[in-house]
Amino acid sequence: MKKTKLLVCCHKESVKGDDLLVTVKAGAALGKSDIICDFSDDDGENISALNPSYNELTVLYWAWKNLEKLGSPDRIGLMHYRRYFYFDARRKDAVLKTSVPKELFREKARLSEEQIELLFRHGDFIAPSPSKRRSVYKQYALTQKIGDLDLSVRILKELFPEYGAAADEYLSGKDCYFYNMFVFPQDLFLRYAEFIFPILERFCAERGETGRLFISERLTGIFIHKLIQEGKRPVFLPVLYREGNGEGRLTRFAEGWKKSKGLKQKLLMLCRLIVKRRRESRRV
């Protein structure tokens, strides 16, 4: 059986992992939290101090540069302390929610080495079930600065021209891969890191390191789409939330409402809030 390590990014809750789940303290270099995890993203070569911009990707960078600390596993995944994969591809819900305590969450998520082995018999990598939008590009334009996405795509095409067609097709398509979550074989994990970080570094150099890099999710989506174009088989899994995930959502919605332009954008935001809350009311 191949060895898998699933990285769980943590910044609010103290939790220890096991042989399969590995918890990593995100933004540890900033010293804002005393939570206890298996690892910290400031150990070894790292960009931990950039966590306010890079968020969970500081954990990804740490794993990329310190893979031997994880035992050089055959597969590497990335999840979040309140957002996990639900490891059953038969479930079609895009978003699920559970009130199970974190100590029992692994069992509830149907997470085991055996289950991961089974899933990889049916595909080459694991990604979140796609969310449907009018288009990836239009969805970003409704919620973020579209100039940031345009800049990142320009940089992508300069650094990785072979991804240009995949970028255009993905951004014009309706399937969005959110959350920066995945389980990749080691070779795809290394390829992904070597793809996304040069783009983000160049992006920050041109735009300046101000604010969260929301473009990272779109770059991850482009990478996933490129893999599919190449004939690699995805296993799409639902996302499973622990209770409490919705904290602050109404505040963010209100802030977005003020910034949105026109009645159409406001109605779209309201519809998505209602739909998302309905989906997250489903429990397993």
C-alpha atoms as a PDB file:
ATOM      1  CA  MET A   1       0.000   0.000   0.000  1.00  0.00           C
ATOM      2  CA  LYS A   2       1.289   3.436  -0.928  1.00  0.00           C
ATOM      3  CA  LYS A   3       1.957   5.986   1.799  1.00  0.00           C
ATOM      4  CA  THR A   4      -0.302   9.040   1.906  1.00  0.00           C
ATOM      5  CA  LYS A   5       0.009  12.221   3.944  1.00  0.00           C
ATOM      6  CA  LEU A   6      -2.959  14.551   4.139  1.00  0.00           C
ATOM      7  CA  LEU A   7      -1.886  17.994   5.337  1.00  0.00           C
ATOM      8  CA  VAL A   8      -4.439  19.789   7.480  1.00  0.00           C
ATOM      9  CA  CYS A   9      -3.834  23.555   7.703  1.00  0.00           C
ATOM     10  CA  CYS A  10      -4.534  24.839  11.208  1.00  0.00           C
ATOM     11  CA  HIS A  11      -4.476  28.330  12.686  1.00  0.00           C
ATOM     12  CA  LYS A  12      -7.205  28.375  15.336  1.00  0.00           C
ATOM     13  CA  GLU A  13      -7.484  24.940  16.898  1.00  0.00           C
ATOM     14  CA  SER A  14      -4.920  22.779  18.641  1.00  0.00           C
ATOM     15  CA  VAL A  15      -5.029  19.300  17.193  1.00  0.00           C
ATOM     16  CA  LYS A  16      -2.588  16.449  16.603  1.00  0.00           C
ATOM     17  CA  GLY A  17      -2.713  14.148  13.624  1.00  0.00           C
ATOM     18  CA  ASP A  18      -1.670  10.555  12.987  1.00  0.00           C
ATOM     19  CA  ASP A  19       0.075   8.514  10.313  1.00  0.00           C
ATOM     20  CA  LEU A  20      -2.382   9.676   7.653  1.00  0.00           C
ATOM     21  CA  LEU A  21      -3.566  13.098   8.764  1.00  0.00           C
ATOM     22  CA  VAL A  22      -0.762  15.575   9.468  1.00  0.00           C
ATOM     23  CA  THR A  23      -1.628  18.911  11.062  1.00  0.00           C
ATOM     24  CA  VAL A  24       0.511  21.931  10.217  1.00  0.00           C
ATOM     25  CA  LYS A  25       0.340  25.277  11.989  1.00  0.00           C
ATOM     26  CA  ALA A  26      -0.145  27.944   9.328  1.00  0.00           C
ATOM     27  CA  GLY A  27       1.514  31.342   9.668  1.00  0.00           C
ATOM     28  CA  ALA A  28       3.600  30.115  12.602  1.00  0.00           C
ATOM     29  CA  ALA A  29       6.316  32.730  11.983  1.00  0.00           C
ATOM     30  CA  LEU A  30       3.861  35.480  12.911  1.00  0.00           C
ATOM     31  CA  GLY A  31       3.532  34.138  16.459  1.00  0.00           C
ATOM     32  CA  LYS A  32      -0.160  34.992  16.737  1.00  0.00           C
ATOM     33  CA  SER A  33      -1.306  31.613  18.024  1.00  0.00           C
ATOM     34  CA  ASP A  34      -0.107  29.036  20.539  1.00  0.00           C
ATOM     35  CA  ILE A  35      -1.955  26.071  19.008  1.00  0.00           C
ATOM     36  CA  ILE A  36      -0.215  22.690  18.984  1.00  0.00           C
ATOM     37  CA  CYS A  37       0.180  20.778  15.722  1.00  0.00           C
ATOM     38  CA  ASP A  38       2.411  18.051  14.322  1.00  0.00           C
ATOM     39  CA  PHE A  39       4.455  20.588  12.361  1.00  0.00           C
ATOM     40  CA  SER A  40       4.782  24.324  11.876  1.00  0.00           C
ATOM     41  CA  ASP A  41       5.136  26.014   8.513  1.00  0.00           C
ATOM     42  CA  ASP A  42       8.144  28.037   9.732  1.00  0.00           C
ATOM     43  CA  ASP A  43      10.341  24.946  10.249  1.00  0.00           C
ATOM     44  CA  GLY A  44      13.017  24.748   7.566  1.00  0.00           C
ATOM     45  CA  GLU A  45      12.766  26.602   4.254  1.00  0.00           C
ATOM     46  CA  ASN A  46       9.475  28.479   4.321  1.00  0.00           C
ATOM     47  CA  ILE A  47       7.340  31.518   3.504  1.00  0.00           C
ATOM     48  CA  SER A  48       5.381  31.362   6.770  1.00  0.00           C
ATOM     49  CA  ALA A  49       5.525  35.139   7.298  1.00  0.00           C
ATOM     50  CA  LEU A  50       3.565  35.612   4.063  1.00  0.00           C
ATOM     51  CA  ASN A  51       0.552  33.758   5.455  1.00  0.00           C
ATOM     52  CA  PRO A  52      -1.766  36.827   5.448  1.00  0.00           C
ATOM     53  CA  SER A  53      -1.434  36.831   1.646  1.00  0.00           C
ATOM     54  CA  TYR A  54      -0.768  33.181   0.853  1.00  0.00           C
ATOM     55  CA  ASN A  55      -2.998  31.647   3.545  1.00  0.00           C
ATOM     56  CA  GLU A  56      -3.012  27.813   3.341  1.00  0.00           C
ATOM     57  CA  LEU A  57      -0.375  27.897   0.602  1.00  0.00           C
ATOM     58  CA  THR A  58       2.336  28.654   3.181  1.00  0.00           C
ATOM     59  CA  VAL A  59       1.692  25.096   4.386  1.00  0.00           C
ATOM     60  CA  LEU A  60       1.864  23.842   0.814  1.00  0.00           C
ATOM     61  CA  TYR A  61       5.189  25.640   0.311  1.00  0.00           C
ATOM     62  CA  TRP A  62       6.572  24.199   3.542  1.00  0.00           C
ATOM     63  CA  ALA A  63       5.639  20.674   2.460  1.00  0.00           C
ATOM     64  CA  TRP A  64       7.185  21.236  -0.974  1.00  0.00           C
ATOM     65  CA  LYS A  65      10.503  22.397   0.441  1.00  0.00           C
ATOM     66  CA  ASN A  66      10.582  19.988   3.403  1.00  0.00           C
ATOM     67  CA  LEU A  67       9.089  16.833   1.944  1.00  0.00           C
ATOM     68  CA  GLU A  68      11.614  14.653   3.743  1.00  0.00           C
ATOM     69  CA  LYS A  69      10.149  15.762   7.100  1.00  0.00           C
ATOM     70  CA  LEU A  70       6.931  14.043   6.003  1.00  0.00           C
ATOM     71  CA  GLY A  71       8.805  10.901   5.009  1.00  0.00           C
ATOM     72  CA  SER A  72       8.616  11.654   1.249  1.00  0.00           C
ATOM     73  CA  PRO A  73       5.119  10.119   0.895  1.00  0.00           C
ATOM     74  CA  ASP A  74       3.779   8.689  -2.347  1.00  0.00           C
ATOM     75  CA  ARG A  75       0.726  10.953  -2.182  1.00  0.00           C
ATOM     76  CA  ILE A  76       0.207  14.378  -0.620  1.00  0.00           C
ATOM     77  CA  GLY A  77      -3.098  16.085   0.069  1.00  0.00           C
ATOM     78  CA  LEU A  78      -4.129  19.513   1.347  1.00  0.00           C
ATOM     79  CA  MET A  79      -7.200  20.183   3.490  1.00  0.00           C
ATOM     80  CA  HIS A  80      -8.233  22.627   6.239  1.00  0.00           C
ATOM     81  CA  TYR A  81      -8.988  22.276   9.940  1.00  0.00           C
ATOM     82  CA  ARG A  82     -12.715  22.777   9.360  1.00  0.00           C
ATOM     83  CA  ARG A  83     -12.943  21.716   5.730  1.00  0.00           C
ATOM     84  CA  TYR A  84     -12.171  18.176   4.666  1.00  0.00           C
ATOM     85  CA  PHE A  85     -12.914  15.885   1.782  1.00  0.00           C
ATOM     86  CA  TYR A  86     -15.784  13.476   2.259  1.00  0.00           C
ATOM     87  CA  PHE A  87     -14.060  10.332   1.027  1.00  0.00           C
ATOM     88  CA  ASP A  88     -17.023   8.768  -0.752  1.00  0.00           C
ATOM     89  CA  ALA A  89     -17.328   9.608  -4.456  1.00  0.00           C
ATOM     90  CA  ARG A  90     -20.900   8.292  -4.547  1.00  0.00           C
ATOM     91  CA  ARG A  91     -22.145  11.311  -2.615  1.00  0.00           C
ATOM     92  CA  LYS A  92     -23.049  14.077  -5.055  1.00  0.00           C
ATOM     93  CA  ASP A  93     -23.588  16.983  -2.672  1.00  0.00           C
ATOM     94  CA  ALA A  94     -21.099  19.763  -3.342  1.00  0.00           C
ATOM     95  CA  VAL A  95     -20.971  20.819   0.323  1.00  0.00           C
ATOM     96  CA  LEU A  96     -21.860  18.855   3.422  1.00  0.00           C
ATOM     97  CA  LYS A  97     -21.822  19.729   7.095  1.00  0.00           C
ATOM     98  CA  THR A  98     -21.522  17.764  10.320  1.00  0.00           C
ATOM     99  CA  SER A  99     -21.582  18.508  14.036  1.00  0.00           C
ATOM    100  CA  VAL A 100     -19.275  15.628  14.926  1.00  0.00           C
ATOM    101  CA  PRO A 101     -16.380  16.655  17.235  1.00  0.00           C
ATOM    102  CA  LYS A 102     -12.951  16.840  15.632  1.00  0.00           C
ATOM    103  CA  GLU A 103     -11.841  13.728  17.527  1.00  0.00           C
ATOM    104  CA  LEU A 104     -14.416  11.639  15.602  1.00  0.00           C
ATOM    105  CA  PHE A 105     -14.292  13.539  12.339  1.00  0.00           C
ATOM    106  CA  ARG A 106     -12.000  11.102  10.534  1.00  0.00           C
ATOM    107  CA  GLU A 107     -14.497   8.294  10.992  1.00  0.00           C
ATOM    108  CA  LYS A 108     -17.376  10.529   9.892  1.00  0.00           C
ATOM    109  CA  ALA A 109     -15.490  11.598   6.758  1.00  0.00           C
ATOM    110  CA  ARG A 110     -14.917   7.917   5.842  1.00  0.00           C
ATOM    111  CA  LEU A 111     -11.211   8.589   5.820  1.00  0.00           C
ATOM    112  CA  SER A 112      -8.745   5.699   5.794  1.00  0.00           C
ATOM    113  CA  GLU A 113      -5.730   4.500   3.832  1.00  0.00           C
ATOM    114  CA  GLU A 114      -7.882   1.699   2.436  1.00  0.00           C
ATOM    115  CA  GLN A 115     -10.504   4.141   1.189  1.00  0.00           C
ATOM    116  CA  ILE A 116      -7.879   6.323  -0.485  1.00  0.00           C
ATOM    117  CA  GLU A 117      -6.386   3.269  -2.178  1.00  0.00           C
ATOM    118  CA  LEU A 118      -9.842   2.378  -3.460  1.00  0.00           C
ATOM    119  CA  LEU A 119     -10.416   5.868  -4.842  1.00  0.00           C
ATOM    120  CA  PHE A 120      -7.069   5.876  -6.628  1.00  0.00           C
ATOM    121  CA  ARG A 121      -8.026   2.696  -8.436  1.00  0.00           C
ATOM    122  CA  HIS A 122     -10.621   4.821 -10.223  1.00  0.00           C
ATOM    123  CA  GLY A 123      -8.537   7.919 -10.925  1.00  0.00           C
ATOM    124  CA  ASP A 124      -5.163   9.605 -10.933  1.00  0.00           C
ATOM    125  CA  PHE A 125      -5.831  12.376  -8.415  1.00  0.00           C
ATOM    126  CA  ILE A 126      -8.511  13.715  -6.062  1.00  0.00           C
ATOM    127  CA  ALA A 127     -10.104  17.162  -6.384  1.00  0.00           C
ATOM    128  CA  PRO A 128     -13.221  18.899  -4.993  1.00  0.00           C
ATOM    129  CA  SER A 129     -16.469  18.358  -6.857  1.00  0.00           C
ATOM    130  CA  PRO A 130     -16.831  21.296  -9.262  1.00  0.00           C
ATOM    131  CA  SER A 131     -19.207  24.115  -8.396  1.00  0.00           C
ATOM    132  CA  LYS A 132     -21.269  25.461 -11.277  1.00  0.00           C
ATOM    133  CA  ARG A 133     -21.097  29.150 -12.200  1.00  0.00           C
ATOM    134  CA  ARG A 134     -21.886  31.230 -15.294  1.00  0.00           C
ATOM    135  CA  SER A 135     -18.161  31.093 -15.871  1.00  0.00           C
ATOM    136  CA  VAL A 136     -15.093  31.006 -13.656  1.00  0.00           C
ATOM    137  CA  TYR A 137     -14.048  34.397 -14.991  1.00  0.00           C
ATOM    138  CA  LYS A 138     -17.418  36.076 -14.400  1.00  0.00           C
ATOM    139  CA  GLN A 139     -17.673  34.595 -10.904  1.00  0.00           C
ATOM    140  CA  TYR A 140     -14.301  36.104  -9.984  1.00  0.00           C
ATOM    141  CA  ALA A 141     -15.308  39.467 -11.446  1.00  0.00           C
ATOM    142  CA  LEU A 142     -18.371  39.564  -9.187  1.00  0.00           C
ATOM    143  CA  THR A 143     -16.415  39.063  -5.985  1.00  0.00           C
ATOM    144  CA  GLN A 144     -12.815  40.232  -6.523  1.00  0.00           C
ATOM    145  CA  LYS A 145     -10.692  42.623  -8.588  1.00  0.00           C
ATOM    146  CA  ILE A 146     -10.746  41.210 -12.088  1.00  0.00           C
ATOM    147  CA  GLY A 147      -7.491  43.000 -12.859  1.00  0.00           C
ATOM    148  CA  ASP A 148      -5.737  40.637 -10.452  1.00  0.00           C
ATOM    149  CA  LEU A 149      -6.956  37.607 -12.372  1.00  0.00           C
ATOM    150  CA  ASP A 150      -6.018  39.198 -15.700  1.00  0.00           C
ATOM    151  CA  LEU A 151      -2.525  39.914 -14.385  1.00  0.00           C
ATOM    152  CA  SER A 152      -2.051  36.381 -13.063  1.00  0.00           C
ATOM    153  CA  VAL A 153      -3.151  34.866 -16.383  1.00  0.00           C
ATOM    154  CA  ARG A 154      -0.726  37.098 -18.277  1.00  0.00           C
ATOM    155  CA  ILE A 155       2.090  35.962 -15.993  1.00  0.00           C
ATOM    156  CA  LEU A 156       1.004  32.331 -16.342  1.00  0.00           C
ATOM    157  CA  LYS A 157       1.159  32.547 -20.131  1.00  0.00           C
ATOM    158  CA  GLU A 158       4.608  34.117 -19.981  1.00  0.00           C
ATOM    159  CA  LEU A 159       6.068  31.589 -17.539  1.00  0.00           C
ATOM    160  CA  PHE A 160       4.106  28.503 -18.614  1.00  0.00           C
ATOM    161  CA  PRO A 161       2.814  29.026 -22.167  1.00  0.00           C
ATOM    162  CA  GLU A 162       1.841  25.362 -22.369  1.00  0.00           C
ATOM    163  CA  TYR A 163      -0.916  26.126 -19.820  1.00  0.00           C
ATOM    164  CA  GLY A 164      -2.369  29.010 -21.860  1.00  0.00           C
ATOM    165  CA  ALA A 165      -5.092  27.037 -23.654  1.00  0.00           C
ATOM    166  CA  ALA A 166      -6.113  25.320 -20.394  1.00  0.00           C
ATOM    167  CA  ALA A 167      -6.337  28.701 -18.654  1.00  0.00           C
ATOM    168  CA  ASP A 168      -8.590  30.186 -21.338  1.00  0.00           C
ATOM    169  CA  GLU A 169     -10.831  27.126 -21.441  1.00  0.00           C
ATOM    170  CA  TYR A 170     -11.129  26.851 -17.682  1.00  0.00           C
ATOM    171  CA  LEU A 171     -11.878  30.531 -17.091  1.00  0.00           C
ATOM    172  CA  SER A 172     -14.578  30.564 -19.762  1.00  0.00           C
ATOM    173  CA  GLY A 173     -16.106  27.324 -18.471  1.00  0.00           C
ATOM    174  CA  LYS A 174     -18.746  26.759 -15.797  1.00  0.00           C
ATOM    175  CA  ASP A 175     -16.930  24.246 -13.552  1.00  0.00           C
ATOM    176  CA  CYS A 176     -15.083  25.917 -10.657  1.00  0.00           C
ATOM    177  CA  TYR A 177     -12.627  24.015  -8.453  1.00  0.00           C
ATOM    178  CA  PHE A 178     -12.537  25.936  -5.192  1.00  0.00           C
ATOM    179  CA  TYR A 179     -10.778  25.617  -1.804  1.00  0.00           C
ATOM    180  CA  ASN A 180      -7.164  24.798  -2.882  1.00  0.00           C
ATOM    181  CA  MET A 181      -7.820  21.188  -1.869  1.00  0.00           C
ATOM    182  CA  PHE A 182      -6.451  18.069  -3.536  1.00  0.00           C
ATOM    183  CA  VAL A 183      -4.726  14.722  -3.133  1.00  0.00           C
ATOM    184  CA  PHE A 184      -1.934  14.314  -5.697  1.00  0.00           C
ATOM    185  CA  PRO A 185       0.666  11.621  -6.322  1.00  0.00           C
ATOM    186  CA  GLN A 186       4.069  12.995  -5.413  1.00  0.00           C
ATOM    187  CA  ASP A 187       5.047  13.766  -9.013  1.00  0.00           C
ATOM    188  CA  LEU A 188       1.894  15.844  -9.581  1.00  0.00           C
ATOM    189  CA  PHE A 189       2.309  17.532  -6.198  1.00  0.00           C
ATOM    190  CA  LEU A 190       5.822  18.665  -7.122  1.00  0.00           C
ATOM    191  CA  ARG A 191       4.661  19.775 -10.552  1.00  0.00           C
ATOM    192  CA  TYR A 192       1.800  21.765  -8.988  1.00  0.00           C
ATOM    193  CA  ALA A 193       4.111  23.540  -6.529  1.00  0.00           C
ATOM    194  CA  GLU A 194       6.602  24.314  -9.288  1.00  0.00           C
ATOM    195  CA  PHE A 195       3.724  25.789 -11.283  1.00  0.00           C
ATOM    196  CA  ILE A 196       1.855  27.912  -8.756  1.00  0.00           C
ATOM    197  CA  PHE A 197       4.612  29.517  -6.669  1.00  0.00           C
ATOM    198  CA  PRO A 198       6.587  31.178  -9.494  1.00  0.00           C
ATOM    199  CA  ILE A 199       3.326  32.744 -10.722  1.00  0.00           C
ATOM    200  CA  LEU A 200       2.373  34.004  -7.261  1.00  0.00           C
ATOM    201  CA  GLU A 201       5.893  35.326  -6.600  1.00  0.00           C
ATOM    202  CA  ARG A 202       5.887  37.268  -9.863  1.00  0.00           C
ATOM    203  CA  PHE A 203       2.324  38.454  -9.223  1.00  0.00           C
ATOM    204  CA  CYS A 204       3.272  39.862  -5.817  1.00  0.00           C
ATOM    205  CA  ALA A 205       6.351  41.527  -7.283  1.00  0.00           C
ATOM    206  CA  GLU A 206       4.241  43.330  -9.896  1.00  0.00           C
ATOM    207  CA  ARG A 207       1.137  44.087  -7.848  1.00  0.00           C
ATOM    208  CA  GLY A 208       2.651  44.281  -4.383  1.00  0.00           C
ATOM    209  CA  GLU A 209       1.901  41.975  -1.451  1.00  0.00           C
ATOM    210  CA  THR A 210      -1.341  43.568  -0.348  1.00  0.00           C
ATOM    211  CA  GLY A 211      -4.306  41.458   0.609  1.00  0.00           C
ATOM    212  CA  ARG A 212      -5.167  37.828   0.246  1.00  0.00           C
ATOM    213  CA  LEU A 213      -4.202  36.052  -2.966  1.00  0.00           C
ATOM    214  CA  PHE A 214      -7.645  34.946  -4.089  1.00  0.00           C
ATOM    215  CA  ILE A 215      -6.162  34.172  -7.489  1.00  0.00           C
ATOM    216  CA  SER A 216      -4.513  31.055  -6.039  1.00  0.00           C
ATOM    217  CA  GLU A 217      -7.791  29.117  -6.199  1.00  0.00           C
ATOM    218  CA  ARG A 218      -8.155  29.994  -9.880  1.00  0.00           C
ATOM    219  CA  LEU A 219      -4.584  28.940 -10.596  1.00  0.00           C
ATOM    220  CA  THR A 220      -5.234  25.641  -8.831  1.00  0.00           C
ATOM    221  CA  GLY A 221      -8.351  25.224 -10.959  1.00  0.00           C
ATOM    222  CA  ILE A 222      -6.347  25.844 -14.125  1.00  0.00           C
ATOM    223  CA  PHE A 223      -3.810  23.234 -13.031  1.00  0.00           C
ATOM    224  CA  ILE A 224      -6.562  20.675 -12.403  1.00  0.00           C
ATOM    225  CA  HIS A 225      -8.141  21.467 -15.772  1.00  0.00           C
ATOM    226  CA  LYS A 226      -4.776  21.006 -17.497  1.00  0.00           C
ATOM    227  CA  LEU A 227      -4.413  17.575 -15.904  1.00  0.00           C
ATOM    228  CA  ILE A 228      -7.833  16.604 -17.214  1.00  0.00           C
ATOM    229  CA  GLN A 229      -6.919  17.898 -20.685  1.00  0.00           C
ATOM    230  CA  GLU A 230      -3.870  15.632 -20.591  1.00  0.00           C
ATOM    231  CA  GLY A 231      -6.087  12.616 -19.989  1.00  0.00           C
ATOM    232  CA  LYS A 232      -5.516  12.217 -16.262  1.00  0.00           C
ATOM    233  CA  ARG A 233      -8.596  10.934 -14.465  1.00  0.00           C
ATOM    234  CA  PRO A 234      -9.969  12.991 -11.558  1.00  0.00           C
ATOM    235  CA  VAL A 235     -11.887  11.567  -8.622  1.00  0.00           C
ATOM    236  CA  PHE A 236     -14.230  14.330  -7.525  1.00  0.00           C
ATOM    237  CA  LEU A 237     -15.201  14.337  -3.858  1.00  0.00           C
ATOM    238  CA  PRO A 238     -17.658  16.471  -1.864  1.00  0.00           C
ATOM    239  CA  VAL A 239     -16.363  18.902   0.726  1.00  0.00           C
ATOM    240  CA  LEU A 240     -17.311  18.208   4.324  1.00  0.00           C
ATOM    241  CA  TYR A 241     -17.452  21.029   6.849  1.00  0.00           C
ATOM    242  CA  ARG A 242     -17.369  20.816  10.588  1.00  0.00           C
ATOM    243  CA  GLU A 243     -19.876  22.984  12.436  1.00  0.00           C
ATOM    244  CA  GLY A 244     -18.874  26.587  12.753  1.00  0.00           C
ATOM    245  CA  ASN A 245     -17.669  27.027   9.186  1.00  0.00           C
ATOM    246  CA  GLY A 246     -20.211  29.747   8.530  1.00  0.00           C
ATOM    247  CA  GLU A 247     -18.818  32.109  11.165  1.00  0.00           C
ATOM    248  CA  GLY A 248     -18.421  35.568   9.713  1.00  0.00           C
ATOM    249  CA  ARG A 249     -20.203  34.723   6.473  1.00  0.00           C
ATOM    250  CA  LEU A 250     -22.982  37.242   7.014  1.00  0.00           C
ATOM    251  CA  THR A 251     -20.413  39.935   7.766  1.00  0.00           C
ATOM    252  CA  ARG A 252     -18.528  39.109   4.575  1.00  0.00           C
ATOM    253  CA  PHE A 253     -21.793  39.060   2.670  1.00  0.00           C
ATOM    254  CA  ALA A 254     -22.680  42.525   3.986  1.00  0.00           C
ATOM    255  CA  GLU A 255     -19.264  43.868   2.999  1.00  0.00           C
ATOM    256  CA  GLY A 256     -19.580  42.364  -0.466  1.00  0.00           C
ATOM    257  CA  TRP A 257     -23.099  43.742  -0.782  1.00  0.00           C
ATOM    258  CA  LYS A 258     -21.815  47.285  -0.221  1.00  0.00           C
ATOM    259  CA  LYS A 259     -19.089  46.842  -2.825  1.00  0.00           C
ATOM    260  CA  SER A 260     -21.281  45.183  -5.458  1.00  0.00           C
ATOM    261  CA  LYS A 261     -22.418  47.257  -8.403  1.00  0.00           C
ATOM    262  CA  GLY A 262     -25.998  47.145  -9.617  1.00  0.00           C
ATOM    263  CA  LEU A 263     -29.101  45.188  -8.680  1.00  0.00           C
ATOM    264  CA  LYS A 264     -28.086  42.150 -10.741  1.00  0.00           C
ATOM    265  CA  GLN A 265     -24.893  41.581  -8.776  1.00  0.00           C
ATOM    266  CA  LYS A 266     -26.710  42.033  -5.464  1.00  0.00           C
ATOM    267  CA  LEU A 267     -29.395  39.502  -6.434  1.00  0.00           C
ATOM    268  CA  LEU A 268     -26.759  36.997  -7.522  1.00  0.00           C
ATOM    269  CA  MET A 269     -24.936  37.375  -4.210  1.00  0.00           C
ATOM    270  CA  LEU A 270     -28.181  36.863  -2.277  1.00  0.00           C
ATOM    271  CA  CYS A 271     -29.127  33.767  -4.292  1.00  0.00           C
ATOM    272  CA  ARG A 272     -25.703  32.212  -3.759  1.00  0.00           C
ATOM    273  CA  LEU A 273     -25.824  32.881  -0.031  1.00  0.00           C
ATOM    274  CA  ILE A 274     -29.213  31.149   0.225  1.00  0.00           C
ATOM    275  CA  VAL A 275     -28.154  28.186  -1.928  1.00  0.00           C
ATOM    276  CA  LYS A 276     -24.890  27.722  -0.034  1.00  0.00           C
ATOM    277  CA  ARG A 277     -26.617  27.803   3.341  1.00  0.00           C
ATOM    278  CA  ARG A 278     -29.120  25.212   2.142  1.00  0.00           C
ATOM    279  CA  ARG A 279     -26.360  22.922   0.928  1.00  0.00           C
ATOM    280  CA  GLU A 280     -24.447  23.267   4.160  1.00  0.00           C
ATOM    281  CA  SER A 281     -27.529  22.379   6.178  1.00  0.00           C
ATOM    282  CA  ARG A 282     -27.204  18.778   4.961  1.00  0.00           C
ATOM    283  CA  ARG A 283     -25.527  16.572   7.512  1.00  0.00           C
ATOM    284  CA  VAL A 284     -23.890  13.186   7.369  1.00  0.00           C
END
